Protein backbone atom coordinates (compact mmCIF):
# COMPACT_ATOMS: atom_id res chain seq x y z
CA MET A 1 0.19 0.25 0.29
CA LEU A 2 2.51 2.63 1.35
CA ARG A 3 5.38 2.12 -1.70
CA ARG A 4 3.29 1.51 -4.78
CA LEU A 5 -0.49 2.34 -4.18
CA LEU A 6 -0.10 5.79 -2.48
CA PRO A 7 2.47 7.60 -4.93
CA MET A 8 0.15 5.43 -7.76
CA ALA A 9 -2.11 8.19 -5.85
CA TYR A 10 -0.71 10.48 -5.30
CA ARG A 11 0.53 10.36 -9.52
CA GLY A 12 -3.31 10.27 -10.53
CA LEU A 13 -4.55 12.71 -8.33
CA ASP A 14 -1.46 15.34 -9.50
CA SER A 15 -2.73 14.50 -13.34
CA ALA A 16 -6.59 14.87 -12.72
CA GLY A 17 -5.23 18.61 -11.54
CA VAL A 18 -5.83 17.59 -7.78
CA ASP A 19 -4.94 20.52 -5.67
CA ALA A 20 -1.96 19.55 -4.13
CA ALA A 21 -2.70 20.86 -0.60
CA ASP A 22 -6.29 18.92 -0.82
CA ARG A 23 -4.41 16.13 -2.19
CA ASP A 24 -1.68 15.68 0.61
CA ARG A 25 -3.93 16.13 3.31
CA LEU A 26 -6.60 13.24 2.00
CA LEU A 27 -3.32 11.45 0.90
CA GLY A 28 -2.11 11.28 3.85
CA ILE A 29 -4.80 10.36 6.66
CA ILE A 30 -3.94 7.17 4.73
CA GLU A 31 -0.65 6.86 4.91
CA GLN A 32 -0.87 7.61 8.64
CA ARG A 33 -4.30 4.79 9.49
CA CYS A 34 -1.69 2.35 7.46
CA LEU A 35 0.96 3.56 9.75
CA THR A 36 -0.69 3.44 12.95
CA GLY A 37 -3.00 0.73 12.22
CA ARG A 38 -5.59 2.90 13.86
CA ASN A 39 -9.27 4.17 11.64
CA GLY A 40 -12.51 4.88 13.73
CA ALA A 41 -13.52 1.42 14.29
CA THR A 42 -10.62 -0.08 15.63
CA TRP A 43 -10.14 3.12 17.82
CA MET A 44 -13.78 2.75 19.10
CA ALA A 45 -12.83 -1.29 19.71
CA GLU A 46 -9.45 -0.07 21.51
CA ALA A 47 -11.44 2.75 23.78
CA PHE A 48 -14.37 0.46 24.70
CA ARG A 49 -11.05 -2.33 26.07
CA SER A 50 -9.77 0.21 27.92
CA LEU A 51 -13.40 1.89 29.43
CA HIS A 52 -14.32 -1.60 29.84
CA GLY A 53 -10.87 -2.78 32.49
CA GLU A 54 -11.35 0.16 34.01
CA SER A 55 -14.31 0.40 34.98
CA THR A 56 -17.48 -0.95 37.87
CA SER A 57 -19.62 0.07 35.01
CA ASP A 58 -21.53 -2.39 31.83
CA ARG A 59 -20.62 -3.32 29.03
CA PHE A 60 -23.94 -0.97 27.93
CA ASP A 61 -22.83 2.18 30.12
CA VAL A 62 -20.04 2.17 28.37
CA LEU A 63 -20.91 1.43 25.23
CA ARG A 64 -22.71 5.00 25.64
CA GLN A 65 -19.50 6.73 26.75
CA VAL A 66 -17.19 5.64 24.25
CA THR A 67 -19.53 6.35 21.10
CA GLY A 68 -20.46 9.89 23.46
CA ARG A 69 -16.72 10.07 23.23
CA TYR A 70 -16.58 9.02 19.35
CA ARG A 71 -19.44 11.81 18.09
CA GLU A 72 -17.08 14.52 20.81
CA LEU A 73 -13.71 13.59 18.38
CA MET A 74 -15.56 13.16 15.33
CA ASN A 75 -17.23 16.62 15.56
CA THR A 76 -13.13 17.72 15.55
CA ASN A 77 -12.50 16.74 11.81
CA GLU A 78 -9.06 15.63 12.69
CA PRO A 79 -8.58 11.90 11.79
CA ALA A 80 -9.32 9.52 13.80
CA HIS A 81 -5.78 7.58 13.90
CA GLY A 82 -5.23 10.48 15.86
CA TRP A 83 -7.88 10.09 18.74
CA GLU A 84 -6.13 9.81 21.90
CA VAL A 85 -7.86 6.22 23.04
CA PRO A 86 -9.34 7.21 27.31
């Protein structure tokens, strides 16, 4: 992915006339997801495991907490690979 497909995507977006700042931002997100192995779904699973392991709350309460935090983070427009796991 990183050595072959991402460079192809850069070239393809360049040839399509996509603005370099937009190209770099979006492909940078893909690159970081590959490097960190984290996207929104993996963040949610990690956050659930972290909170459920530390909590005396039941599973559904932890799911509500994680979903609420996901919603807050999603609205920051920051990519999920950079979100801190609680």
